[in-house]
Amino acid sequence: MLLAQYSEPIRYTLLQNVYVTGGFSQVKGVIPRIRRELRMIANVDTPIVVHYSDDPMLDPWRGAALFCKQEDMQNYWLTLKDYREKGPDYLKEHSCSNINVKFVNRDIATAPTRRKKYI
């Protein structure tokens, strides 16, 4: 479980700042289900706060656009040379790819965003 890889203070903070966006967030009942399932794995005294977006269909694009502005973006690109050598099914391994990476406890950075609090 992803949360188990973080220290207790970080898990506490993460569970108070769950952010749901994208098309999947529009599925009826998904937010109460996320809250319910997090409650089953969280400590009894840990508050769980689920936020959802004002614009869940465009927020993933906005996040990707911000991500692409990073100075080290070339580390995430698949070059034409790699594509030609490894083929169209090759997935470059990096911190955002679907590889087994060790998560480290680090400060949680939050970007300004429009949110609604789910009650």
C-alpha atoms as a PDB file:
ATOM      1  CA  MET A   1       0.000   0.000   0.000  1.00  0.00           C
ATOM      2  CA  LEU A   2       1.308   3.404  -0.964  1.00  0.00           C
ATOM      3  CA  LEU A   3       0.426   5.114   2.325  1.00  0.00           C
ATOM      4  CA  ALA A   4       2.404   2.550   4.342  1.00  0.00           C
ATOM      5  CA  GLN A   5       5.610   3.821   2.729  1.00  0.00           C
ATOM      6  CA  TYR A   6       5.273   7.173   4.496  1.00  0.00           C
ATOM      7  CA  SER A   7       5.820   8.056   8.134  1.00  0.00           C
ATOM      8  CA  GLU A   8       2.784   8.510  10.373  1.00  0.00           C
ATOM      9  CA  PRO A   9       2.913  12.358  10.309  1.00  0.00           C
ATOM     10  CA  ILE A  10       3.054  12.375   6.500  1.00  0.00           C
ATOM     11  CA  ARG A  11       0.171   9.843   6.228  1.00  0.00           C
ATOM     12  CA  TYR A  12      -1.850  12.021   8.594  1.00  0.00           C
ATOM     13  CA  THR A  13      -1.259  15.047   6.343  1.00  0.00           C
ATOM     14  CA  LEU A  14      -1.945  13.123   3.119  1.00  0.00           C
ATOM     15  CA  LEU A  15      -5.277  11.786   4.379  1.00  0.00           C
ATOM     16  CA  GLN A  16      -6.391  15.332   5.118  1.00  0.00           C
ATOM     17  CA  ASN A  17      -5.613  16.405   1.580  1.00  0.00           C
ATOM     18  CA  VAL A  18      -7.000  13.789  -0.829  1.00  0.00           C
ATOM     19  CA  TYR A  19      -7.698  15.422  -4.173  1.00  0.00           C
ATOM     20  CA  VAL A  20      -9.923  13.727  -6.740  1.00  0.00           C
ATOM     21  CA  THR A  21     -10.053  14.981 -10.318  1.00  0.00           C
ATOM     22  CA  GLY A  22     -10.358  13.739 -13.888  1.00  0.00           C
ATOM     23  CA  GLY A  23     -13.191  11.983 -15.645  1.00  0.00           C
ATOM     24  CA  PHE A  24     -13.286   9.170 -13.095  1.00  0.00           C
ATOM     25  CA  SER A  25     -14.231  11.664 -10.379  1.00  0.00           C
ATOM     26  CA  GLN A  26     -17.544  12.136 -12.178  1.00  0.00           C
ATOM     27  CA  VAL A  27     -18.654   8.543 -11.554  1.00  0.00           C
ATOM     28  CA  LYS A  28     -21.640   8.582  -9.225  1.00  0.00           C
ATOM     29  CA  GLY A  29     -20.656   7.608  -5.682  1.00  0.00           C
ATOM     30  CA  VAL A  30     -16.889   7.513  -6.260  1.00  0.00           C
ATOM     31  CA  ILE A  31     -16.007  10.212  -3.717  1.00  0.00           C
ATOM     32  CA  PRO A  32     -17.962   8.634  -0.838  1.00  0.00           C
ATOM     33  CA  ARG A  33     -16.408   5.287  -1.769  1.00  0.00           C
ATOM     34  CA  ILE A  34     -12.869   6.720  -1.693  1.00  0.00           C
ATOM     35  CA  ARG A  35     -13.564   8.258   1.706  1.00  0.00           C
ATOM     36  CA  ARG A  36     -15.042   4.985   3.008  1.00  0.00           C
ATOM     37  CA  GLU A  37     -12.095   2.903   1.785  1.00  0.00           C
ATOM     38  CA  LEU A  38      -9.548   5.318   3.214  1.00  0.00           C
ATOM     39  CA  ARG A  39     -11.377   5.185   6.536  1.00  0.00           C
ATOM     40  CA  MET A  40     -10.892   1.397   6.593  1.00  0.00           C
ATOM     41  CA  ILE A  41      -7.102   1.718   6.390  1.00  0.00           C
ATOM     42  CA  ALA A  42      -6.538   4.914   8.407  1.00  0.00           C
ATOM     43  CA  ASN A  43      -6.068   5.213  12.140  1.00  0.00           C
ATOM     44  CA  VAL A  44      -9.323   5.819  13.974  1.00  0.00           C
ATOM     45  CA  ASP A  45      -8.390   9.359  15.010  1.00  0.00           C
ATOM     46  CA  THR A  46      -7.122  10.446  11.568  1.00  0.00           C
ATOM     47  CA  PRO A  47      -9.433  12.928   9.856  1.00  0.00           C
ATOM     48  CA  ILE A  48      -9.992  12.184   6.179  1.00  0.00           C
ATOM     49  CA  VAL A  49     -10.742  15.131   3.924  1.00  0.00           C
ATOM     50  CA  VAL A  50     -11.555  14.558   0.261  1.00  0.00           C
ATOM     51  CA  HIS A  51     -11.463  17.521  -2.106  1.00  0.00           C
ATOM     52  CA  TYR A  52     -12.773  17.529  -5.635  1.00  0.00           C
ATOM     53  CA  SER A  53     -12.190  19.881  -8.487  1.00  0.00           C
ATOM     54  CA  ASP A  54     -14.406  22.601  -9.899  1.00  0.00           C
ATOM     55  CA  ASP A  55     -13.237  21.546 -13.348  1.00  0.00           C
ATOM     56  CA  PRO A  56     -12.293  17.849 -13.199  1.00  0.00           C
ATOM     57  CA  MET A  57     -12.154  17.388 -16.957  1.00  0.00           C
ATOM     58  CA  LEU A  58      -9.506  20.071 -17.557  1.00  0.00           C
ATOM     59  CA  ASP A  59      -7.457  19.769 -14.355  1.00  0.00           C
ATOM     60  CA  PRO A  60      -5.421  16.755 -15.551  1.00  0.00           C
ATOM     61  CA  TRP A  61      -4.435  18.750 -18.645  1.00  0.00           C
ATOM     62  CA  ARG A  62      -3.515  21.762 -16.512  1.00  0.00           C
ATOM     63  CA  GLY A  63      -1.370  19.568 -14.280  1.00  0.00           C
ATOM     64  CA  ALA A  64       0.388  18.038 -17.271  1.00  0.00           C
ATOM     65  CA  ALA A  65       0.983  21.514 -18.719  1.00  0.00           C
ATOM     66  CA  LEU A  66       2.636  22.629 -15.464  1.00  0.00           C
ATOM     67  CA  PHE A  67       4.682  19.419 -15.372  1.00  0.00           C
ATOM     68  CA  CYS A  68       5.950  20.074 -18.902  1.00  0.00           C
ATOM     69  CA  LYS A  69       7.342  23.453 -17.833  1.00  0.00           C
ATOM     70  CA  GLN A  70       9.985  21.792 -15.623  1.00  0.00           C
ATOM     71  CA  GLU A  71      13.591  22.507 -16.468  1.00  0.00           C
ATOM     72  CA  ASP A  72      14.506  18.792 -16.486  1.00  0.00           C
ATOM     73  CA  MET A  73      11.678  17.796 -18.806  1.00  0.00           C
ATOM     74  CA  GLN A  74      14.118  16.174 -21.259  1.00  0.00           C
ATOM     75  CA  ASN A  75      14.631  13.403 -18.655  1.00  0.00           C
ATOM     76  CA  TYR A  76      11.051  12.280 -19.307  1.00  0.00           C
ATOM     77  CA  TRP A  77      11.061  12.390 -23.099  1.00  0.00           C
ATOM     78  CA  LEU A  78      11.338   9.355 -25.301  1.00  0.00           C
ATOM     79  CA  THR A  79      13.802  10.247 -28.020  1.00  0.00           C
ATOM     80  CA  LEU A  80      13.356   9.328 -31.652  1.00  0.00           C
ATOM     81  CA  LYS A  81      16.508   7.209 -31.335  1.00  0.00           C
ATOM     82  CA  ASP A  82      14.997   5.246 -28.405  1.00  0.00           C
ATOM     83  CA  TYR A  83      11.745   4.834 -30.312  1.00  0.00           C
ATOM     84  CA  ARG A  84      13.521   3.491 -33.374  1.00  0.00           C
ATOM     85  CA  GLU A  85      15.767   1.170 -31.346  1.00  0.00           C
ATOM     86  CA  LYS A  86      13.197  -0.109 -28.834  1.00  0.00           C
ATOM     87  CA  GLY A  87       9.927   0.174 -30.704  1.00  0.00           C
ATOM     88  CA  PRO A  88       6.499   1.670 -29.992  1.00  0.00           C
ATOM     89  CA  ASP A  89       5.863  -0.523 -26.934  1.00  0.00           C
ATOM     90  CA  TYR A  90       8.873   0.789 -25.015  1.00  0.00           C
ATOM     91  CA  LEU A  91       8.099   2.797 -21.884  1.00  0.00           C
ATOM     92  CA  LYS A  92      10.919   4.944 -20.566  1.00  0.00           C
ATOM     93  CA  GLU A  93      11.540   4.396 -16.878  1.00  0.00           C
ATOM     94  CA  HIS A  94      11.575   7.530 -14.742  1.00  0.00           C
ATOM     95  CA  SER A  95      10.012   8.770 -11.511  1.00  0.00           C
ATOM     96  CA  CYS A  96       6.580   9.145 -13.134  1.00  0.00           C
ATOM     97  CA  SER A  97       6.502   5.860 -15.009  1.00  0.00           C
ATOM     98  CA  ASN A  98       4.863   2.663 -13.808  1.00  0.00           C
ATOM     99  CA  ILE A  99       7.960   1.146 -12.284  1.00  0.00           C
ATOM    100  CA  ASN A 100       8.514   0.071  -8.734  1.00  0.00           C
ATOM    101  CA  VAL A 101      10.157   3.132  -7.216  1.00  0.00           C
ATOM    102  CA  LYS A 102      10.952   3.625  -3.562  1.00  0.00           C
ATOM    103  CA  PHE A 103       8.966   6.544  -2.232  1.00  0.00           C
ATOM    104  CA  VAL A 104      10.701   8.802   0.221  1.00  0.00           C
ATOM    105  CA  ASN A 105       9.249  10.975   2.913  1.00  0.00           C
ATOM    106  CA  ARG A 106       9.488  14.502   1.684  1.00  0.00           C
ATOM    107  CA  ASP A 107       7.726  17.758   2.272  1.00  0.00           C
ATOM    108  CA  ILE A 108       4.334  17.846   0.632  1.00  0.00           C
ATOM    109  CA  ALA A 109       4.174  20.649  -1.889  1.00  0.00           C
ATOM    110  CA  THR A 110       0.787  21.997  -2.788  1.00  0.00           C
ATOM    111  CA  ALA A 111       0.010  24.023  -5.863  1.00  0.00           C
ATOM    112  CA  PRO A 112      -2.743  26.609  -5.807  1.00  0.00           C
ATOM    113  CA  THR A 113      -5.919  25.115  -7.167  1.00  0.00           C
ATOM    114  CA  ARG A 114      -9.644  25.588  -7.043  1.00  0.00           C
ATOM    115  CA  ARG A 115     -11.184  22.971  -4.760  1.00  0.00           C
ATOM    116  CA  LYS A 116     -14.443  22.013  -3.200  1.00  0.00           C
ATOM    117  CA  LYS A 117     -14.466  20.181   0.080  1.00  0.00           C
ATOM    118  CA  TYR A 118     -16.612  17.066   0.056  1.00  0.00           C
ATOM    119  CA  ILE A 119     -18.699  16.759   3.174  1.00  0.00           C
END
